[in-house]
Every structure is written in structure tokens, then in C-alpha cells.
N, C-alpha and C. Protein backbone atom coordinates (compact mmCIF):
# COMPACT_ATOMS: atom_id res chain seq x y z
N MET A 1 0.77 -1.11 -0.04
CA MET A 1 0.04 0.02 0.02
C MET A 1 0.84 1.29 0.03
N ARG A 2 0.52 2.20 -0.82
CA ARG A 2 1.25 3.42 -0.81
C ARG A 2 0.99 4.34 0.37
N PRO A 3 2.07 5.09 0.72
CA PRO A 3 1.97 5.96 2.02
C PRO A 3 1.09 7.06 1.55
N ALA A 4 0.65 7.67 2.56
CA ALA A 4 -0.39 8.87 2.25
C ALA A 4 0.41 9.92 1.74
N GLY A 5 -0.07 10.83 0.83
CA GLY A 5 0.57 11.89 0.29
C GLY A 5 0.44 13.08 1.17
N GLU A 6 1.19 14.03 0.88
CA GLU A 6 1.32 15.43 1.68
C GLU A 6 -0.07 16.03 1.83
N VAL A 7 -0.85 16.15 0.73
CA VAL A 7 -2.17 16.75 0.96
C VAL A 7 -3.02 16.06 1.87
N ARG A 8 -3.05 14.69 1.66
CA ARG A 8 -3.97 13.79 2.64
C ARG A 8 -3.55 14.03 4.09
N LEU A 9 -2.20 13.95 4.35
CA LEU A 9 -1.66 14.02 5.62
C LEU A 9 -2.05 15.49 6.29
N ALA A 10 -1.82 16.36 5.29
CA ALA A 10 -2.15 17.85 5.94
C ALA A 10 -3.72 18.04 6.15
N LEU A 11 -4.54 17.48 5.43
CA LEU A 11 -6.07 17.53 5.70
C LEU A 11 -6.27 16.66 7.00
N ILE A 12 -5.74 15.59 7.16
CA ILE A 12 -5.99 14.79 8.51
C ILE A 12 -5.50 15.57 9.64
N GLN A 13 -4.33 16.13 9.42
CA GLN A 13 -3.88 16.93 10.59
C GLN A 13 -4.72 18.21 10.91
N ALA A 14 -5.24 18.98 9.89
CA ALA A 14 -6.08 20.02 10.03
C ALA A 14 -7.33 19.49 10.66
N ALA A 15 -7.92 18.46 10.27
CA ALA A 15 -9.24 17.87 11.03
C ALA A 15 -8.92 17.62 12.45
N ARG A 16 -7.67 17.11 12.77
CA ARG A 16 -7.26 16.67 14.20
C ARG A 16 -7.20 18.17 14.88
N ASP A 17 -6.47 19.10 14.41
CA ASP A 17 -6.47 20.32 15.05
C ASP A 17 -7.70 21.09 15.34
N ILE A 18 -8.67 21.04 14.37
CA ILE A 18 -9.97 21.73 14.43
C ILE A 18 -10.80 21.06 15.44
N VAL A 19 -10.74 19.62 15.32
CA VAL A 19 -11.60 18.92 16.34
C VAL A 19 -11.06 19.21 17.86
N ALA A 20 -9.65 19.15 17.91
CA ALA A 20 -9.14 19.46 19.27
C ALA A 20 -9.43 20.84 19.84
N GLN A 21 -9.45 21.79 18.86
CA GLN A 21 -9.78 23.15 19.16
C GLN A 21 -11.15 23.33 19.58
N ILE A 22 -12.14 22.54 18.98
CA ILE A 22 -13.70 22.58 19.35
C ILE A 22 -13.83 21.89 20.68
N GLY A 23 -13.21 20.77 20.95
CA GLY A 23 -13.22 20.14 22.18
C GLY A 23 -14.66 19.42 22.52
N GLN A 24 -15.25 19.21 21.49
CA GLN A 24 -16.53 18.44 21.73
C GLN A 24 -16.52 17.15 20.77
N PRO A 25 -16.81 15.96 21.52
CA PRO A 25 -16.75 14.65 20.70
C PRO A 25 -17.69 14.66 19.48
N ASP A 26 -18.78 15.34 19.69
CA ASP A 26 -19.77 15.18 18.56
C ASP A 26 -19.66 16.25 17.64
N ARG A 27 -18.77 17.07 17.45
CA ARG A 27 -18.54 18.04 16.50
C ARG A 27 -17.41 17.83 15.65
N GLY A 28 -17.18 18.23 14.53
CA GLY A 28 -16.18 18.02 13.58
C GLY A 28 -15.68 19.33 12.74
N ALA A 29 -14.81 19.03 11.82
CA ALA A 29 -14.45 20.14 10.98
C ALA A 29 -15.18 20.07 9.63
N THR A 30 -15.59 21.10 9.14
CA THR A 30 -16.35 21.16 7.78
C THR A 30 -15.11 21.07 6.72
N LEU A 31 -15.50 20.75 5.60
CA LEU A 31 -14.61 20.88 4.29
C LEU A 31 -14.01 22.10 4.15
N ALA A 32 -14.63 23.26 4.24
CA ALA A 32 -14.25 24.67 4.14
C ALA A 32 -13.10 24.93 5.19
N GLU A 33 -13.48 24.56 6.36
CA GLU A 33 -12.46 24.69 7.49
C GLU A 33 -11.14 24.00 7.25
N MET A 34 -11.15 22.70 6.63
CA MET A 34 -9.97 22.07 6.57
C MET A 34 -9.31 22.65 5.30
N ALA A 35 -9.97 23.13 4.31
CA ALA A 35 -9.24 23.48 3.13
C ALA A 35 -8.67 24.86 3.56
N ALA A 36 -9.34 25.59 4.36
CA ALA A 36 -8.74 26.97 4.72
C ALA A 36 -7.33 26.72 5.57
N ALA A 37 -7.49 25.77 6.47
CA ALA A 37 -6.37 25.43 7.46
C ALA A 37 -5.12 24.94 6.62
N VAL A 38 -5.44 24.06 5.60
CA VAL A 38 -4.40 23.61 4.69
C VAL A 38 -3.93 24.44 3.61
N GLY A 39 -4.88 25.54 3.27
CA GLY A 39 -4.47 26.35 2.36
C GLY A 39 -3.48 27.41 2.85
N SER A 40 -3.20 27.59 4.11
CA SER A 40 -2.14 28.59 4.66
C SER A 40 -0.80 27.81 4.43
N LYS A 41 -0.83 26.53 4.20
CA LYS A 41 0.50 25.93 4.05
C LYS A 41 0.78 25.64 2.43
N CYS A 42 -0.25 25.25 1.82
CA CYS A 42 -0.08 25.11 0.32
C CYS A 42 -1.38 25.42 -0.38
N PRO A 43 -1.51 26.03 -1.57
CA PRO A 43 -2.67 26.31 -2.11
C PRO A 43 -3.46 25.18 -2.50
N LEU A 44 -4.68 25.06 -2.04
CA LEU A 44 -5.62 23.90 -2.42
C LEU A 44 -6.93 24.38 -2.64
N GLY A 45 -7.40 24.06 -3.90
CA GLY A 45 -8.72 24.56 -4.40
C GLY A 45 -9.82 23.78 -3.67
N ARG A 46 -11.04 24.30 -3.61
CA ARG A 46 -12.11 23.69 -2.85
C ARG A 46 -12.60 22.41 -3.59
N ASP A 47 -12.46 22.29 -4.88
CA ASP A 47 -12.75 21.06 -5.62
C ASP A 47 -11.86 19.94 -5.28
N VAL A 48 -10.52 20.33 -5.23
CA VAL A 48 -9.60 19.25 -4.95
C VAL A 48 -9.72 18.83 -3.53
N ALA A 49 -9.98 19.88 -2.65
CA ALA A 49 -10.12 19.40 -1.20
C ALA A 49 -11.45 18.44 -1.02
N ARG A 50 -12.51 18.91 -1.83
CA ARG A 50 -13.71 18.15 -1.76
C ARG A 50 -13.47 16.66 -2.25
N ARG A 51 -12.81 16.50 -3.31
CA ARG A 51 -12.34 15.23 -3.86
C ARG A 51 -11.58 14.44 -2.84
N TYR A 52 -10.50 15.08 -2.11
CA TYR A 52 -9.66 14.41 -1.29
C TYR A 52 -10.54 13.92 0.05
N VAL A 53 -11.29 14.87 0.51
CA VAL A 53 -12.15 14.48 1.71
C VAL A 53 -13.08 13.49 1.33
N ASP A 54 -13.85 13.39 0.21
CA ASP A 54 -14.54 12.21 -0.30
C ASP A 54 -13.92 10.95 -0.26
N ASN A 55 -12.70 11.01 -0.82
CA ASN A 55 -11.85 9.68 -0.95
C ASN A 55 -11.47 9.19 0.48
N MET A 56 -11.04 10.35 1.40
CA MET A 56 -10.66 9.94 2.63
C MET A 56 -11.89 9.33 3.49
N HIS A 57 -13.16 9.77 3.32
CA HIS A 57 -14.26 9.22 3.85
C HIS A 57 -14.44 7.97 3.45
N ARG A 58 -14.33 7.72 2.10
CA ARG A 58 -14.56 6.35 1.66
C ARG A 58 -13.63 5.36 2.00
N SER A 59 -12.41 5.67 2.29
CA SER A 59 -11.25 4.86 2.66
C SER A 59 -11.18 4.61 4.11
N GLY A 60 -11.98 5.44 4.85
CA GLY A 60 -12.07 5.24 6.39
C GLY A 60 -11.29 6.03 7.20
N ASP A 61 -10.47 7.05 6.51
CA ASP A 61 -9.60 7.88 7.42
C ASP A 61 -10.45 9.05 8.05
N LEU A 62 -11.41 9.40 7.54
CA LEU A 62 -12.50 10.39 8.06
C LEU A 62 -13.91 9.92 8.27
N LYS A 63 -14.62 10.22 9.36
CA LYS A 63 -15.97 9.79 9.41
C LYS A 63 -16.73 11.01 9.66
N LYS A 64 -18.03 10.96 9.12
CA LYS A 64 -19.02 11.98 9.34
C LYS A 64 -19.68 11.87 10.75
N VAL A 65 -19.56 13.15 11.40
CA VAL A 65 -19.94 13.26 12.79
C VAL A 65 -21.11 13.90 12.98
N GLY A 66 -21.57 14.70 11.95
CA GLY A 66 -22.83 15.61 12.06
C GLY A 66 -22.96 16.45 10.86
N GLU A 67 -23.93 17.24 11.06
CA GLU A 67 -24.13 18.34 10.08
C GLU A 67 -24.27 19.66 10.76
N ARG A 68 -24.05 20.81 10.00
CA ARG A 68 -24.03 22.01 10.64
C ARG A 68 -24.50 23.10 9.61
N ARG A 69 -25.35 24.05 10.04
CA ARG A 69 -25.71 25.05 9.22
C ARG A 69 -24.79 26.24 9.27
N VAL A 70 -24.34 26.70 8.04
CA VAL A 70 -23.31 27.66 7.90
C VAL A 70 -23.88 28.83 7.09
N PRO A 71 -23.40 29.99 7.36
CA PRO A 71 -23.85 31.21 6.33
C PRO A 71 -23.53 30.95 4.99
N ASN A 72 -24.39 31.71 4.16
CA ASN A 72 -24.14 31.61 2.77
C ASN A 72 -24.39 30.25 2.02
N ARG A 73 -25.15 29.28 2.72
CA ARG A 73 -25.22 28.04 2.28
C ARG A 73 -26.59 27.58 2.51
N ASN A 74 -27.41 27.15 1.56
CA ASN A 74 -28.95 26.76 1.84
C ASN A 74 -28.97 25.27 2.61
N ARG A 75 -28.08 24.54 2.31
CA ARG A 75 -28.12 23.16 3.01
C ARG A 75 -27.11 23.09 4.03
N PRO A 76 -27.33 22.16 5.03
CA PRO A 76 -26.25 21.92 6.08
C PRO A 76 -24.99 21.21 5.46
N VAL A 77 -23.88 21.55 6.10
CA VAL A 77 -22.52 20.87 5.54
C VAL A 77 -22.32 19.72 6.53
N TYR A 78 -21.59 18.79 5.94
CA TYR A 78 -21.03 17.71 6.88
C TYR A 78 -19.96 18.11 7.71
N GLU A 79 -19.86 17.45 8.94
CA GLU A 79 -18.70 17.78 9.75
C GLU A 79 -18.02 16.40 9.87
N TYR A 80 -16.64 16.48 9.68
CA TYR A 80 -15.78 15.35 9.67
C TYR A 80 -14.84 15.28 10.74
N ALA A 81 -14.47 14.08 11.31
CA ALA A 81 -13.49 13.85 12.29
C ALA A 81 -12.57 12.75 11.92
N PRO A 82 -11.33 12.67 12.35
CA PRO A 82 -10.53 11.67 12.06
C PRO A 82 -11.02 10.36 12.79
N VAL A 83 -10.84 9.23 12.29
CA VAL A 83 -11.28 7.90 12.67
C VAL A 83 -10.40 7.52 13.81
N PHE A 84 -9.07 7.70 13.76
CA PHE A 84 -8.13 7.30 15.04
C PHE A 84 -7.20 8.47 15.04
N THR A 85 -6.80 8.78 16.25
CA THR A 85 -5.65 9.68 16.56
C THR A 85 -4.40 8.79 16.40
N ASP A 86 -3.28 9.33 16.53
CA ASP A 86 -1.97 8.66 16.39
C ASP A 86 -1.79 7.54 17.53
N GLY A 87 -2.12 7.98 18.73
CA GLY A 87 -2.07 7.13 19.96
C GLY A 87 -2.97 5.94 19.77
N GLU A 88 -4.24 6.17 19.26
CA GLU A 88 -5.11 4.97 19.04
C GLU A 88 -4.61 3.95 17.88
N VAL A 89 -4.09 4.58 16.94
CA VAL A 89 -3.52 3.64 15.82
C VAL A 89 -2.45 2.92 16.38
N LEU A 90 -1.50 3.49 17.10
CA LEU A 90 -0.49 2.72 17.77
C LEU A 90 -0.82 1.56 18.69
N VAL A 91 -1.91 1.87 19.55
CA VAL A 91 -2.41 0.77 20.48
C VAL A 91 -3.09 -0.21 19.76
N ARG A 92 -3.86 0.23 18.69
CA ARG A 92 -4.56 -0.85 17.84
C ARG A 92 -3.58 -1.67 17.15
N GLY A 93 -2.48 -1.09 16.58
CA GLY A 93 -1.59 -1.92 15.80
C GLY A 93 -0.81 -2.86 16.75
N VAL A 94 -0.51 -2.45 18.14
CA VAL A 94 0.09 -3.33 19.03
C VAL A 94 -0.75 -4.44 19.47
N ALA A 95 -2.04 -4.19 19.58
CA ALA A 95 -3.08 -5.30 19.94
C ALA A 95 -3.10 -6.33 18.77
N VAL A 96 -3.21 -5.75 17.53
CA VAL A 96 -3.25 -6.72 16.45
C VAL A 96 -1.97 -7.60 16.36
N LEU A 97 -0.91 -6.90 16.57
CA LEU A 97 0.44 -7.76 16.50
C LEU A 97 0.40 -8.76 17.69
N SER A 98 0.09 -8.15 18.83
CA SER A 98 0.00 -9.12 19.97
C SER A 98 -0.97 -10.31 19.78
N ASN A 99 -2.10 -10.06 19.20
CA ASN A 99 -3.05 -11.30 18.98
C ASN A 99 -2.51 -12.28 18.04
N CYS A 100 -1.78 -11.62 16.99
CA CYS A 100 -1.29 -12.47 15.87
C CYS A 100 -0.11 -13.35 16.37
N MET A 101 0.70 -12.77 17.27
CA MET A 101 1.92 -13.48 17.82
C MET A 101 1.44 -14.60 18.80
N SER A 102 0.45 -14.18 19.55
CA SER A 102 -0.16 -15.28 20.45
C SER A 102 -0.70 -16.41 19.83
N SER A 103 -1.31 -16.18 18.72
CA SER A 103 -2.13 -17.25 17.93
C SER A 103 -1.07 -17.90 17.23
N TRP A 104 0.03 -17.44 16.83
CA TRP A 104 1.05 -18.17 16.09
C TRP A 104 1.89 -19.01 16.89
N THR A 105 2.04 -18.70 18.26
CA THR A 105 2.81 -19.46 19.18
C THR A 105 2.03 -20.74 19.78
N ARG A 106 0.74 -20.73 19.44
CA ARG A 106 -0.02 -21.80 20.01
C ARG A 106 0.08 -23.14 19.34
């Protein structure tokens, strides 16, 4: 499997930062907020960001946690949050490896 690219990593980090800043588990970052956070580091168009976020949602890197009404938009927008934090991925990976090794030694 190919490693994640720079834009994908930047969008995940932006989602983590925004969710941490909000501080509520049932709230997340909108597409526009993530694109604006990444846009300060590298120029990223809204269409490109939308495609990346859709692909990240489909692959399981981001999850939809709710909807929010925003100004200048008739429909509510989705809020996204990262599925795992770095620590959770590490613990999850160690647990999988531990289960594999214990079943292998039986």
C-alpha cells in the first residue's frame, strides 16, 4: 500500500487540530475549514479538497460526525473527524500484532 501523500496528511492534521480546538466529541471540521487550514501551507482549491475528503471518507480515514448550518449556504454541511488519533492507531496496531503473535505460538 502506498503511503499517504502530503495533501492527505495535511487534511488529516487539519481535521485533528480543528476537532481538538472545538473540544466536543460530537462536533467536527467542515470541508471549508479543513481547506482553509491547509491552504495556509499550500494552495488547495475547494474542488480538490472536496475530492480528497470524499476519498478519505470512503477509505475510512475520516468519518461524518454530524451536520451544521453555515452562512451563505442553503443546505447544512457535513462535519468530519479523524477516525483514529496517532495514539489509538499505535495501540490498535500493537494489539493486532500481539493477537497475531499469541495465536502463532499456540
